């Protein structure tokens, strides 16, 4: 991934908003909220004004003028520059092109799941599956009710597909643990019963440590 003058993805969301027309910072934030950009990008709303200032500092936005409505303070209006348009295009192309390893809390939980017994993990996964299925239902309902072209719903399509894929994988893992067909599940279960790691698991753990 290229090193960027502004690497915070909030900056990309700002550029993708201001490219439509010049606007002040409050309007930028309002439109981003209205369009649900916080669901697609990890936006730190408290730092949005700082990101706008950084985009201006690096020549990706520029001041287009000021605006005052009634007794409100004067507000600065920003527009995207040619450099900003180029950055928006290249940054978006890079994100679509280049797969990256994205760590998550779920992956961290899976890496530590032996701290629980197989039955406890199976129960936790069953609860996660219920939550995932609810999320898919809600996303599908929102997708079907949206009165905008598919072009503006592609991220929702992706979210549905990813959660359905995760649900399918979780369903299989949960079933394997619940049925006892998961590899080494009895040794794992015995470890939690006795408090002593079985020799086979000790050997595997030490072998892994040697490879590291």
N, C-alpha and C. Protein backbone atom coordinates (compact mmCIF):
# COMPACT_ATOMS: atom_id res chain seq x y z
N UNK A 1 0.85 -1.19 0.00
CA UNK A 1 0.00 0.00 0.00
C UNK A 1 0.89 1.24 0.00
N UNK A 2 0.53 2.21 -0.83
CA UNK A 2 1.33 3.43 -0.92
C UNK A 2 1.21 4.25 0.36
N UNK A 3 2.30 4.95 0.69
CA UNK A 3 2.25 5.88 1.82
C UNK A 3 1.61 7.17 1.34
N UNK A 4 0.63 7.62 2.08
CA UNK A 4 -0.13 8.79 1.66
C UNK A 4 0.07 9.96 2.61
N UNK A 5 -0.06 11.16 2.08
CA UNK A 5 0.10 12.35 2.92
C UNK A 5 -0.96 12.37 4.01
N UNK A 6 -2.16 11.93 3.66
CA UNK A 6 -3.24 11.75 4.64
C UNK A 6 -3.68 10.30 4.51
N UNK A 7 -3.36 9.47 5.51
CA UNK A 7 -3.62 8.03 5.41
C UNK A 7 -4.90 7.59 6.11
N UNK A 8 -5.47 8.48 6.94
CA UNK A 8 -6.70 8.17 7.65
C UNK A 8 -7.84 8.01 6.64
N UNK A 9 -8.55 6.87 6.68
CA UNK A 9 -9.62 6.63 5.72
C UNK A 9 -10.76 7.65 5.83
N UNK A 10 -10.82 8.34 6.95
CA UNK A 10 -11.78 9.44 7.05
C UNK A 10 -11.50 10.47 5.95
N UNK A 11 -10.22 10.65 5.64
CA UNK A 11 -9.84 11.59 4.58
C UNK A 11 -10.41 11.17 3.24
N UNK A 12 -10.40 9.88 2.97
CA UNK A 12 -10.98 9.38 1.72
C UNK A 12 -12.48 9.67 1.68
N UNK A 13 -13.15 9.44 2.80
CA UNK A 13 -14.59 9.71 2.86
C UNK A 13 -14.89 11.19 2.66
N UNK A 14 -14.03 12.05 3.20
CA UNK A 14 -14.21 13.50 3.01
C UNK A 14 -14.03 13.86 1.54
N UNK A 15 -12.97 13.36 0.92
CA UNK A 15 -12.73 13.65 -0.49
C UNK A 15 -13.91 13.16 -1.34
N UNK A 16 -14.44 11.98 -1.01
CA UNK A 16 -15.55 11.43 -1.77
C UNK A 16 -16.84 12.19 -1.58
N UNK A 17 -16.91 13.00 -0.54
CA UNK A 17 -18.08 13.85 -0.30
C UNK A 17 -17.93 15.20 -0.97
N UNK A 18 -16.77 15.82 -0.77
CA UNK A 18 -16.54 17.17 -1.31
C UNK A 18 -16.39 17.15 -2.83
N UNK A 19 -16.08 16.00 -3.41
CA UNK A 19 -15.94 15.95 -4.87
C UNK A 19 -17.25 16.33 -5.57
N UNK A 20 -18.37 16.20 -4.86
CA UNK A 20 -19.67 16.52 -5.46
C UNK A 20 -19.84 18.02 -5.66
N UNK A 21 -19.40 18.81 -4.66
CA UNK A 21 -19.53 20.27 -4.73
C UNK A 21 -18.82 20.87 -3.53
N UNK A 22 -18.46 22.13 -3.56
CA UNK A 22 -17.85 22.78 -2.39
C UNK A 22 -18.84 22.80 -1.22
N UNK A 23 -18.32 22.63 -0.01
CA UNK A 23 -19.18 22.67 1.18
C UNK A 23 -18.34 22.95 2.42
N UNK A 24 -19.00 23.38 3.49
CA UNK A 24 -18.28 23.65 4.73
C UNK A 24 -18.22 22.37 5.57
N UNK A 25 -17.44 22.40 6.63
CA UNK A 25 -17.15 21.18 7.39
C UNK A 25 -18.38 20.57 8.04
N UNK A 26 -19.26 21.41 8.54
CA UNK A 26 -20.47 20.88 9.17
C UNK A 26 -21.32 20.14 8.14
N UNK A 27 -21.39 20.69 6.94
CA UNK A 27 -22.15 20.05 5.87
C UNK A 27 -21.51 18.73 5.46
N UNK A 28 -20.18 18.72 5.41
CA UNK A 28 -19.46 17.48 5.10
C UNK A 28 -19.84 16.39 6.10
N UNK A 29 -19.78 16.73 7.37
CA UNK A 29 -20.09 15.76 8.42
C UNK A 29 -21.55 15.31 8.34
N UNK A 30 -22.46 16.25 8.08
CA UNK A 30 -23.88 15.93 8.01
C UNK A 30 -24.17 14.96 6.88
N UNK A 31 -23.58 15.21 5.71
CA UNK A 31 -23.81 14.33 4.56
C UNK A 31 -23.21 12.95 4.79
N UNK A 32 -22.03 12.91 5.39
CA UNK A 32 -21.40 11.62 5.66
C UNK A 32 -22.24 10.79 6.63
N UNK A 33 -22.78 11.45 7.65
CA UNK A 33 -23.66 10.75 8.60
C UNK A 33 -24.94 10.27 7.90
N UNK A 34 -25.54 11.15 7.10
CA UNK A 34 -26.79 10.81 6.43
C UNK A 34 -26.63 9.63 5.48
N UNK A 35 -25.44 9.51 4.90
CA UNK A 35 -25.19 8.43 3.94
C UNK A 35 -24.60 7.19 4.60
N UNK A 36 -24.51 7.20 5.93
CA UNK A 36 -24.05 6.02 6.64
C UNK A 36 -22.58 5.70 6.44
N UNK A 37 -21.76 6.71 6.16
CA UNK A 37 -20.34 6.44 5.93
C UNK A 37 -19.66 5.88 7.17
N UNK A 38 -20.22 6.17 8.34
CA UNK A 38 -19.65 5.61 9.56
C UNK A 38 -19.78 4.10 9.63
N UNK A 39 -20.69 3.51 8.82
CA UNK A 39 -20.82 2.06 8.77
C UNK A 39 -19.76 1.42 7.88
N UNK A 40 -19.23 2.21 6.95
CA UNK A 40 -18.26 1.69 5.99
C UNK A 40 -16.82 2.02 6.37
N UNK A 41 -16.63 3.14 7.04
CA UNK A 41 -15.30 3.63 7.40
C UNK A 41 -15.28 3.91 8.91
N UNK A 42 -14.19 3.54 9.54
CA UNK A 42 -14.05 3.79 10.98
C UNK A 42 -13.76 5.28 11.19
N UNK A 43 -14.81 6.07 11.13
CA UNK A 43 -14.66 7.52 11.22
C UNK A 43 -14.63 7.96 12.68
N UNK A 44 -13.61 8.72 13.03
CA UNK A 44 -13.55 9.36 14.35
C UNK A 44 -14.14 10.76 14.17
N UNK A 45 -15.42 10.88 14.47
CA UNK A 45 -16.12 12.13 14.18
C UNK A 45 -15.49 13.32 14.90
N UNK A 46 -14.91 13.07 16.07
CA UNK A 46 -14.30 14.17 16.82
C UNK A 46 -13.06 14.73 16.13
N UNK A 47 -12.47 13.94 15.22
CA UNK A 47 -11.26 14.40 14.53
C UNK A 47 -11.53 14.79 13.08
N UNK A 48 -12.80 14.84 12.69
CA UNK A 48 -13.13 15.14 11.30
C UNK A 48 -12.59 16.51 10.86
N UNK A 49 -12.74 17.53 11.71
CA UNK A 49 -12.27 18.85 11.35
C UNK A 49 -10.74 18.87 11.18
N UNK A 50 -10.06 18.08 12.01
CA UNK A 50 -8.61 17.98 11.90
C UNK A 50 -8.21 17.34 10.58
N UNK A 51 -8.96 16.33 10.15
CA UNK A 51 -8.68 15.66 8.88
C UNK A 51 -8.89 16.63 7.72
N UNK A 52 -9.96 17.42 7.78
CA UNK A 52 -10.20 18.42 6.73
C UNK A 52 -9.02 19.40 6.67
N UNK A 53 -8.55 19.84 7.83
CA UNK A 53 -7.42 20.76 7.87
C UNK A 53 -6.16 20.12 7.27
N UNK A 54 -5.97 18.83 7.53
CA UNK A 54 -4.81 18.13 6.99
C UNK A 54 -4.91 17.99 5.47
N UNK A 55 -6.11 17.72 4.98
CA UNK A 55 -6.30 17.63 3.53
C UNK A 55 -6.00 18.97 2.86
N UNK A 56 -6.38 20.05 3.53
CA UNK A 56 -6.07 21.38 2.99
C UNK A 56 -4.56 21.64 3.03
N UNK A 57 -3.96 21.29 4.14
CA UNK A 57 -2.52 21.51 4.30
C UNK A 57 -1.72 20.83 3.19
N UNK A 58 -2.16 19.65 2.77
CA UNK A 58 -1.43 18.88 1.77
C UNK A 58 -1.94 19.13 0.35
N UNK A 59 -2.77 20.16 0.17
CA UNK A 59 -3.18 20.56 -1.16
C UNK A 59 -4.26 19.70 -1.80
N UNK A 60 -4.96 18.91 -1.00
CA UNK A 60 -6.01 18.05 -1.55
C UNK A 60 -7.38 18.74 -1.49
N UNK A 61 -7.52 19.69 -0.58
CA UNK A 61 -8.67 20.59 -0.52
C UNK A 61 -8.14 22.01 -0.52
N UNK A 62 -9.00 22.96 -0.91
CA UNK A 62 -8.64 24.36 -0.83
C UNK A 62 -9.86 25.17 -0.43
N UNK A 63 -9.62 26.33 0.12
CA UNK A 63 -10.71 27.20 0.54
C UNK A 63 -11.35 27.82 -0.70
N UNK A 64 -12.68 27.71 -0.77
CA UNK A 64 -13.42 28.26 -1.91
C UNK A 64 -14.13 29.54 -1.54
N UNK A 65 -14.19 29.86 -0.25
CA UNK A 65 -14.89 31.05 0.20
C UNK A 65 -15.43 30.85 1.59
N UNK A 66 -16.32 31.72 1.99
CA UNK A 66 -16.93 31.62 3.31
C UNK A 66 -18.44 31.78 3.18
N UNK A 67 -19.13 31.38 4.24
CA UNK A 67 -20.59 31.45 4.24
C UNK A 67 -21.06 31.85 5.63
N UNK A 68 -22.07 32.68 5.69
CA UNK A 68 -22.65 33.05 6.97
C UNK A 68 -24.17 33.02 6.83
N UNK A 69 -24.82 32.36 7.79
CA UNK A 69 -26.28 32.30 7.80
C UNK A 69 -26.80 32.89 9.10
N UNK A 70 -27.50 34.00 9.00
CA UNK A 70 -28.05 34.65 10.18
C UNK A 70 -26.97 35.05 11.16
N UNK A 71 -27.20 34.69 12.43
CA UNK A 71 -26.27 35.07 13.49
C UNK A 71 -25.18 34.01 13.70
N UNK A 72 -25.18 32.97 12.86
CA UNK A 72 -24.18 31.92 13.03
C UNK A 72 -22.78 32.44 12.66
N UNK A 73 -21.74 31.82 13.25
CA UNK A 73 -20.37 32.22 12.89
C UNK A 73 -20.09 31.95 11.41
N UNK A 74 -19.19 32.70 10.85
CA UNK A 74 -18.78 32.51 9.47
C UNK A 74 -18.15 31.14 9.30
N UNK A 75 -18.50 30.44 8.22
CA UNK A 75 -17.97 29.09 7.99
C UNK A 75 -17.18 29.05 6.69
N UNK A 76 -16.06 28.34 6.75
CA UNK A 76 -15.19 28.22 5.59
C UNK A 76 -15.71 27.12 4.67
N UNK A 77 -15.77 27.41 3.39
CA UNK A 77 -16.21 26.44 2.39
C UNK A 77 -14.98 25.87 1.68
N UNK A 78 -14.96 24.54 1.55
CA UNK A 78 -13.82 23.85 0.92
C UNK A 78 -14.25 23.22 -0.40
N UNK A 79 -13.30 23.17 -1.34
CA UNK A 79 -13.54 22.44 -2.58
C UNK A 79 -12.34 21.52 -2.82
N UNK A 80 -12.56 20.49 -3.59
CA UNK A 80 -11.48 19.54 -3.88
C UNK A 80 -10.58 20.13 -4.97
N UNK A 81 -9.29 19.86 -4.88
CA UNK A 81 -8.33 20.33 -5.88
C UNK A 81 -8.10 19.22 -6.91
N UNK A 82 -7.38 19.53 -7.96
CA UNK A 82 -7.04 18.50 -8.94
C UNK A 82 -6.20 17.40 -8.29
N UNK A 83 -5.30 17.81 -7.40
CA UNK A 83 -4.51 16.82 -6.67
C UNK A 83 -5.41 15.95 -5.80
N UNK A 84 -6.44 16.57 -5.22
CA UNK A 84 -7.38 15.83 -4.40
C UNK A 84 -8.18 14.83 -5.22
N UNK A 85 -8.59 15.22 -6.42
CA UNK A 85 -9.31 14.30 -7.30
C UNK A 85 -8.44 13.11 -7.68
N UNK A 86 -7.18 13.40 -8.00
CA UNK A 86 -6.25 12.33 -8.36
C UNK A 86 -6.04 11.39 -7.17
N UNK A 87 -5.91 11.97 -5.97
CA UNK A 87 -5.74 11.15 -4.77
C UNK A 87 -6.97 10.28 -4.52
N UNK A 88 -8.15 10.84 -4.69
CA UNK A 88 -9.39 10.09 -4.50
C UNK A 88 -9.45 8.89 -5.44
N UNK A 89 -9.11 9.11 -6.70
CA UNK A 89 -9.15 8.04 -7.70
C UNK A 89 -8.11 6.97 -7.38
N UNK A 90 -6.87 7.38 -7.12
CA UNK A 90 -5.80 6.41 -6.90
C UNK A 90 -6.01 5.64 -5.60
N UNK A 91 -6.43 6.32 -4.55
CA UNK A 91 -6.65 5.69 -3.25
C UNK A 91 -7.77 4.65 -3.36
N UNK A 92 -8.86 5.01 -4.03
CA UNK A 92 -9.98 4.08 -4.20
C UNK A 92 -9.55 2.88 -5.03
N UNK A 93 -8.81 3.12 -6.13
CA UNK A 93 -8.32 2.02 -6.96
C UNK A 93 -7.44 1.07 -6.15
N UNK A 94 -6.58 1.63 -5.31
CA UNK A 94 -5.69 0.81 -4.49
C UNK A 94 -6.47 -0.06 -3.51
N UNK A 95 -7.48 0.51 -2.87
CA UNK A 95 -8.27 -0.25 -1.92
C UNK A 95 -9.04 -1.38 -2.59
N UNK A 96 -9.50 -1.16 -3.81
CA UNK A 96 -10.22 -2.19 -4.54
C UNK A 96 -9.29 -3.27 -5.07
N UNK A 97 -8.05 -2.90 -5.34
CA UNK A 97 -7.10 -3.81 -5.99
C UNK A 97 -6.33 -4.69 -5.02
N UNK A 98 -5.91 -4.12 -3.89
CA UNK A 98 -4.91 -4.77 -3.04
C UNK A 98 -5.53 -5.40 -1.80
N UNK A 99 -5.52 -6.75 -1.71
CA UNK A 99 -6.00 -7.39 -0.48
C UNK A 99 -5.04 -7.11 0.67
N UNK A 100 -5.58 -6.87 1.85
CA UNK A 100 -4.74 -6.66 3.03
C UNK A 100 -5.26 -7.54 4.16
N UNK A 101 -4.37 -7.85 5.08
CA UNK A 101 -4.75 -8.62 6.25
C UNK A 101 -5.40 -7.69 7.26
N UNK A 102 -6.68 -7.91 7.52
CA UNK A 102 -7.42 -7.05 8.44
C UNK A 102 -7.71 -7.82 9.72
N UNK A 103 -7.03 -7.47 10.80
CA UNK A 103 -7.23 -8.15 12.07
C UNK A 103 -8.57 -7.75 12.68
N UNK A 104 -9.17 -8.66 13.41
CA UNK A 104 -10.46 -8.37 14.04
C UNK A 104 -10.50 -9.01 15.42
N UNK A 105 -11.46 -8.55 16.21
CA UNK A 105 -11.65 -9.15 17.53
C UNK A 105 -12.04 -10.61 17.44
N UNK A 106 -12.79 -10.97 16.40
CA UNK A 106 -13.21 -12.37 16.24
C UNK A 106 -11.99 -13.27 15.98
N UNK A 107 -11.10 -12.81 15.12
CA UNK A 107 -9.88 -13.58 14.85
C UNK A 107 -9.05 -13.74 16.13
N UNK A 108 -8.96 -12.66 16.91
CA UNK A 108 -8.24 -12.75 18.19
C UNK A 108 -8.90 -13.76 19.11
N UNK A 109 -10.23 -13.76 19.15
CA UNK A 109 -10.95 -14.72 19.97
C UNK A 109 -10.71 -16.15 19.52
N UNK A 110 -10.71 -16.38 18.20
CA UNK A 110 -10.45 -17.72 17.69
C UNK A 110 -9.04 -18.19 18.06
N UNK A 111 -8.08 -17.27 18.03
CA UNK A 111 -6.71 -17.65 18.34
C UNK A 111 -6.53 -18.04 19.80
N UNK A 112 -7.47 -17.63 20.65
CA UNK A 112 -7.38 -17.91 22.08
C UNK A 112 -8.49 -18.85 22.56
N UNK A 113 -9.22 -19.48 21.64
CA UNK A 113 -10.42 -20.21 22.06
C UNK A 113 -10.12 -21.43 22.92
N UNK A 114 -8.88 -21.93 22.90
CA UNK A 114 -8.56 -23.08 23.76
C UNK A 114 -8.63 -22.72 25.24
N UNK A 115 -8.68 -21.41 25.54
CA UNK A 115 -8.84 -21.00 26.94
C UNK A 115 -10.22 -21.41 27.47
N UNK A 116 -11.17 -21.65 26.57
CA UNK A 116 -12.49 -22.15 26.92
C UNK A 116 -12.56 -23.64 26.62
N UNK A 117 -13.52 -24.30 27.19
CA UNK A 117 -13.74 -25.71 26.85
C UNK A 117 -14.43 -25.78 25.50
N UNK A 118 -14.36 -26.93 24.81
CA UNK A 118 -15.06 -27.06 23.52
C UNK A 118 -16.54 -26.73 23.62
N UNK A 119 -17.18 -27.13 24.73
CA UNK A 119 -18.60 -26.86 24.88
C UNK A 119 -18.87 -25.37 25.05
N UNK A 120 -17.98 -24.69 25.77
CA UNK A 120 -18.14 -23.24 25.94
C UNK A 120 -17.97 -22.51 24.61
N UNK A 121 -16.99 -22.96 23.81
CA UNK A 121 -16.79 -22.35 22.49
C UNK A 121 -18.00 -22.59 21.60
N UNK A 122 -18.52 -23.83 21.62
CA UNK A 122 -19.70 -24.15 20.81
C UNK A 122 -20.88 -23.27 21.19
N UNK A 123 -21.06 -23.04 22.49
CA UNK A 123 -22.16 -22.17 22.96
C UNK A 123 -21.95 -20.73 22.49
N UNK A 124 -20.71 -20.25 22.59
CA UNK A 124 -20.41 -18.89 22.17
C UNK A 124 -20.65 -18.71 20.67
N UNK A 125 -20.24 -19.72 19.89
CA UNK A 125 -20.43 -19.65 18.45
C UNK A 125 -21.91 -19.71 18.07
N UNK A 126 -22.68 -20.47 18.83
CA UNK A 126 -24.12 -20.51 18.57
C UNK A 126 -24.74 -19.13 18.78
N UNK A 127 -24.29 -18.45 19.84
CA UNK A 127 -24.79 -17.10 20.10
C UNK A 127 -24.35 -16.14 19.00
N UNK A 128 -23.11 -16.29 18.54
CA UNK A 128 -22.62 -15.43 17.45
C UNK A 128 -23.42 -15.68 16.18
N UNK A 129 -23.72 -16.94 15.91
CA UNK A 129 -24.48 -17.27 14.72
C UNK A 129 -25.87 -16.62 14.76
N UNK A 130 -26.50 -16.64 15.91
CA UNK A 130 -27.80 -15.98 16.06
C UNK A 130 -27.69 -14.49 15.75
N UNK A 131 -26.63 -13.86 16.28
CA UNK A 131 -26.41 -12.43 16.04
C UNK A 131 -26.13 -12.15 14.56
N UNK A 132 -25.34 -13.00 13.92
CA UNK A 132 -25.02 -12.82 12.50
C UNK A 132 -26.28 -12.94 11.64
N UNK A 133 -27.11 -13.92 11.95
CA UNK A 133 -28.34 -14.11 11.18
C UNK A 133 -29.27 -12.91 11.32
N UNK A 134 -29.31 -12.31 12.52
CA UNK A 134 -30.11 -11.12 12.73
C UNK A 134 -29.55 -9.95 11.93
N UNK A 135 -28.21 -9.80 11.92
CA UNK A 135 -27.58 -8.74 11.15
C UNK A 135 -27.90 -8.87 9.67
N UNK A 136 -27.85 -10.10 9.15
CA UNK A 136 -28.15 -10.32 7.73
C UNK A 136 -29.60 -9.93 7.43
N UNK A 137 -30.52 -10.31 8.31
CA UNK A 137 -31.93 -9.94 8.10
C UNK A 137 -32.10 -8.42 8.06
N UNK A 138 -31.44 -7.73 8.99
CA UNK A 138 -31.57 -6.28 9.03
C UNK A 138 -30.94 -5.61 7.81
N UNK A 139 -29.78 -6.12 7.39
CA UNK A 139 -29.12 -5.57 6.21
C UNK A 139 -29.96 -5.79 4.96
N UNK A 140 -30.52 -6.98 4.84
CA UNK A 140 -31.35 -7.28 3.68
C UNK A 140 -32.59 -6.39 3.64
N UNK A 141 -33.19 -6.19 4.81
CA UNK A 141 -34.37 -5.33 4.88
C UNK A 141 -34.02 -3.91 4.46
N UNK A 142 -32.89 -3.39 4.96
CA UNK A 142 -32.46 -2.04 4.60
C UNK A 142 -32.16 -1.95 3.10
N UNK A 143 -31.55 -3.00 2.57
CA UNK A 143 -31.19 -3.03 1.15
C UNK A 143 -32.44 -2.99 0.29
N UNK A 144 -33.42 -3.79 0.66
CA UNK A 144 -34.65 -3.88 -0.14
C UNK A 144 -35.51 -2.62 -0.03
N UNK A 145 -35.39 -1.92 1.09
CA UNK A 145 -36.19 -0.71 1.29
C UNK A 145 -35.52 0.54 0.72
N UNK A 146 -34.24 0.44 0.43
CA UNK A 146 -33.51 1.62 -0.06
C UNK A 146 -34.04 2.05 -1.42
N UNK A 147 -34.24 3.33 -1.57
CA UNK A 147 -34.77 3.87 -2.82
C UNK A 147 -33.68 4.58 -3.61
N UNK A 148 -32.56 3.90 -3.74
CA UNK A 148 -31.44 4.43 -4.52
C UNK A 148 -30.94 3.32 -5.44
N UNK A 149 -30.25 3.66 -6.52
CA UNK A 149 -29.74 2.65 -7.44
C UNK A 149 -28.73 1.72 -6.78
N UNK A 150 -28.57 0.54 -7.34
CA UNK A 150 -27.63 -0.46 -6.81
C UNK A 150 -26.21 0.09 -6.71
N UNK A 151 -25.86 1.01 -7.59
CA UNK A 151 -24.53 1.62 -7.57
C UNK A 151 -24.17 2.15 -6.20
N UNK A 152 -25.17 2.65 -5.46
CA UNK A 152 -24.93 3.26 -4.16
C UNK A 152 -25.21 2.30 -3.01
N UNK A 153 -25.39 1.01 -3.34
CA UNK A 153 -25.67 0.01 -2.31
C UNK A 153 -24.65 -1.12 -2.32
N UNK A 154 -23.60 -0.97 -3.12
CA UNK A 154 -22.67 -2.07 -3.30
C UNK A 154 -21.99 -2.47 -2.00
N UNK A 155 -21.72 -1.48 -1.11
CA UNK A 155 -21.08 -1.83 0.16
C UNK A 155 -22.01 -2.63 1.06
N UNK A 156 -23.33 -2.39 0.91
CA UNK A 156 -24.29 -3.19 1.68
C UNK A 156 -24.35 -4.61 1.14
N UNK A 157 -24.30 -4.76 -0.18
CA UNK A 157 -24.24 -6.09 -0.79
C UNK A 157 -23.04 -6.87 -0.25
N UNK A 158 -21.90 -6.17 -0.19
CA UNK A 158 -20.68 -6.82 0.30
C UNK A 158 -20.84 -7.22 1.76
N UNK A 159 -21.41 -6.33 2.58
CA UNK A 159 -21.59 -6.63 4.00
C UNK A 159 -22.48 -7.86 4.18
N UNK A 160 -23.54 -7.95 3.37
CA UNK A 160 -24.43 -9.12 3.45
C UNK A 160 -23.67 -10.38 3.08
N UNK A 161 -22.92 -10.33 1.98
CA UNK A 161 -22.17 -11.51 1.52
C UNK A 161 -21.14 -11.96 2.55
N UNK A 162 -20.43 -11.00 3.16
CA UNK A 162 -19.41 -11.34 4.14
C UNK A 162 -20.02 -11.96 5.40
N UNK A 163 -21.13 -11.42 5.85
CA UNK A 163 -21.77 -11.97 7.06
C UNK A 163 -22.39 -13.33 6.78
N UNK A 164 -22.91 -13.53 5.58
CA UNK A 164 -23.46 -14.84 5.23
C UNK A 164 -22.34 -15.87 5.15
N UNK A 165 -21.19 -15.48 4.58
CA UNK A 165 -20.05 -16.39 4.51
C UNK A 165 -19.53 -16.72 5.90
N UNK A 166 -19.44 -15.69 6.76
CA UNK A 166 -18.99 -15.94 8.13
C UNK A 166 -19.97 -16.85 8.86
N UNK A 167 -21.27 -16.60 8.68
CA UNK A 167 -22.27 -17.43 9.34
C UNK A 167 -22.15 -18.89 8.91
N UNK A 168 -21.91 -19.12 7.61
CA UNK A 168 -21.75 -20.49 7.12
C UNK A 168 -20.54 -21.16 7.76
N UNK A 169 -19.44 -20.43 7.87
CA UNK A 169 -18.24 -20.99 8.48
C UNK A 169 -18.44 -21.25 9.97
N UNK A 170 -19.05 -20.29 10.67
CA UNK A 170 -19.32 -20.45 12.11
C UNK A 170 -20.26 -21.63 12.34
N UNK A 171 -21.25 -21.78 11.47
CA UNK A 171 -22.21 -22.88 11.60
C UNK A 171 -21.49 -24.24 11.54
N UNK A 172 -20.54 -24.36 10.62
CA UNK A 172 -19.78 -25.61 10.47
C UNK A 172 -18.90 -25.87 11.69
N UNK A 173 -18.17 -24.84 12.13
CA UNK A 173 -17.28 -25.00 13.29
C UNK A 173 -18.09 -25.33 14.53
N UNK A 174 -19.19 -24.64 14.74
CA UNK A 174 -20.03 -24.89 15.91
C UNK A 174 -20.57 -26.31 15.90
N UNK A 175 -20.98 -26.79 14.72
CA UNK A 175 -21.51 -28.15 14.61
C UNK A 175 -20.43 -29.19 14.88
N UNK A 176 -19.22 -28.96 14.38
CA UNK A 176 -18.11 -29.91 14.61
C UNK A 176 -17.76 -30.00 16.08
N UNK A 177 -17.76 -28.85 16.76
CA UNK A 177 -17.47 -28.86 18.20
C UNK A 177 -18.59 -29.52 18.98
N UNK A 178 -19.83 -29.21 18.63
CA UNK A 178 -20.96 -29.77 19.36
C UNK A 178 -21.07 -31.28 19.17
N UNK A 179 -20.70 -31.77 17.97
CA UNK A 179 -20.81 -33.21 17.69
C UNK A 179 -19.58 -34.00 18.14
N UNK A 180 -18.50 -33.30 18.47
CA UNK A 180 -17.27 -33.97 18.90
C UNK A 180 -16.40 -34.44 17.75
N UNK A 181 -16.68 -33.98 16.52
CA UNK A 181 -15.89 -34.42 15.36
C UNK A 181 -14.70 -33.50 15.08
N UNK A 182 -14.57 -32.42 15.84
CA UNK A 182 -13.45 -31.51 15.63
C UNK A 182 -12.16 -32.20 16.06
N UNK A 183 -11.07 -32.08 15.28
CA UNK A 183 -9.80 -32.76 15.62
C UNK A 183 -9.31 -32.41 17.03
N UNK A 184 -8.89 -33.41 17.78
CA UNK A 184 -8.32 -33.28 19.12
C UNK A 184 -9.30 -32.70 20.14
N UNK A 185 -10.59 -32.75 19.83
CA UNK A 185 -11.56 -32.15 20.74
C UNK A 185 -11.60 -32.88 22.08
N UNK A 186 -11.39 -34.20 22.10
CA UNK A 186 -11.43 -34.94 23.36
C UNK A 186 -10.22 -34.60 24.22
N UNK A 187 -9.06 -34.46 23.60
CA UNK A 187 -7.87 -34.05 24.34
C UNK A 187 -8.06 -32.65 24.92
N UNK A 188 -8.63 -31.81 24.13
CA UNK A 188 -8.92 -30.44 24.56
C UNK A 188 -9.89 -30.45 25.74
N UNK A 189 -10.93 -31.26 25.62
CA UNK A 189 -11.94 -31.34 26.69
C UNK A 189 -11.30 -31.91 27.98
N UNK A 190 -10.43 -32.90 27.83
CA UNK A 190 -9.77 -33.51 28.99
C UNK A 190 -8.87 -32.49 29.69
N UNK A 191 -8.24 -31.65 28.94
CA UNK A 191 -7.40 -30.60 29.51
C UNK A 191 -8.22 -29.74 30.46
N UNK A 192 -9.44 -29.36 30.05
CA UNK A 192 -10.29 -28.52 30.90
C UNK A 192 -10.88 -29.31 32.07
N UNK A 193 -11.03 -30.63 31.91
CA UNK A 193 -11.54 -31.44 33.01
C UNK A 193 -10.48 -31.61 34.09
N UNK A 194 -9.25 -31.92 33.65
CA UNK A 194 -8.20 -32.28 34.60
C UNK A 194 -7.31 -31.12 35.01
N UNK A 195 -7.24 -30.09 34.15
CA UNK A 195 -6.35 -28.97 34.42
C UNK A 195 -4.93 -29.21 33.93
N UNK A 196 -4.67 -30.39 33.37
CA UNK A 196 -3.33 -30.72 32.86
C UNK A 196 -3.42 -30.94 31.35
N UNK A 197 -2.55 -30.29 30.61
CA UNK A 197 -2.57 -30.44 29.16
C UNK A 197 -2.12 -31.84 28.77
N UNK A 198 -2.89 -32.58 27.97
CA UNK A 198 -2.48 -33.91 27.52
C UNK A 198 -1.17 -33.86 26.76
N UNK A 199 -0.41 -34.99 26.83
CA UNK A 199 0.91 -35.03 26.20
C UNK A 199 0.86 -34.69 24.72
N UNK A 200 -0.18 -35.14 24.02
CA UNK A 200 -0.26 -34.89 22.59
C UNK A 200 -0.35 -33.39 22.30
N UNK A 201 -1.13 -32.68 23.12
CA UNK A 201 -1.24 -31.24 22.92
C UNK A 201 0.04 -30.51 23.32
N UNK A 202 0.71 -31.03 24.37
CA UNK A 202 2.00 -30.46 24.76
C UNK A 202 2.99 -30.57 23.62
N UNK A 203 3.06 -31.76 23.00
CA UNK A 203 3.99 -31.98 21.89
C UNK A 203 3.69 -31.03 20.73
N UNK A 204 2.42 -30.87 20.41
CA UNK A 204 2.04 -29.98 19.30
C UNK A 204 2.38 -28.53 19.62
N UNK A 205 2.13 -28.10 20.87
CA UNK A 205 2.43 -26.73 21.28
C UNK A 205 3.92 -26.45 21.20
N UNK A 206 4.72 -27.41 21.67
CA UNK A 206 6.18 -27.22 21.65
C UNK A 206 6.71 -27.24 20.24
N UNK A 207 6.11 -28.08 19.38
CA UNK A 207 6.53 -28.12 18.00
C UNK A 207 6.27 -26.78 17.32
N UNK A 208 5.12 -26.20 17.62
CA UNK A 208 4.79 -24.90 17.06
C UNK A 208 5.74 -23.82 17.55
N UNK A 209 6.13 -23.89 18.83
CA UNK A 209 7.06 -22.91 19.40
C UNK A 209 8.42 -23.02 18.73
N UNK A 210 8.85 -24.23 18.42
CA UNK A 210 10.14 -24.42 17.76
C UNK A 210 10.12 -23.84 16.36
N UNK A 211 8.97 -23.97 15.66
CA UNK A 211 8.87 -23.42 14.30
C UNK A 211 8.91 -21.91 14.31
N UNK A 212 8.31 -21.31 15.38
CA UNK A 212 8.33 -19.86 15.49
C UNK A 212 9.75 -19.36 15.70
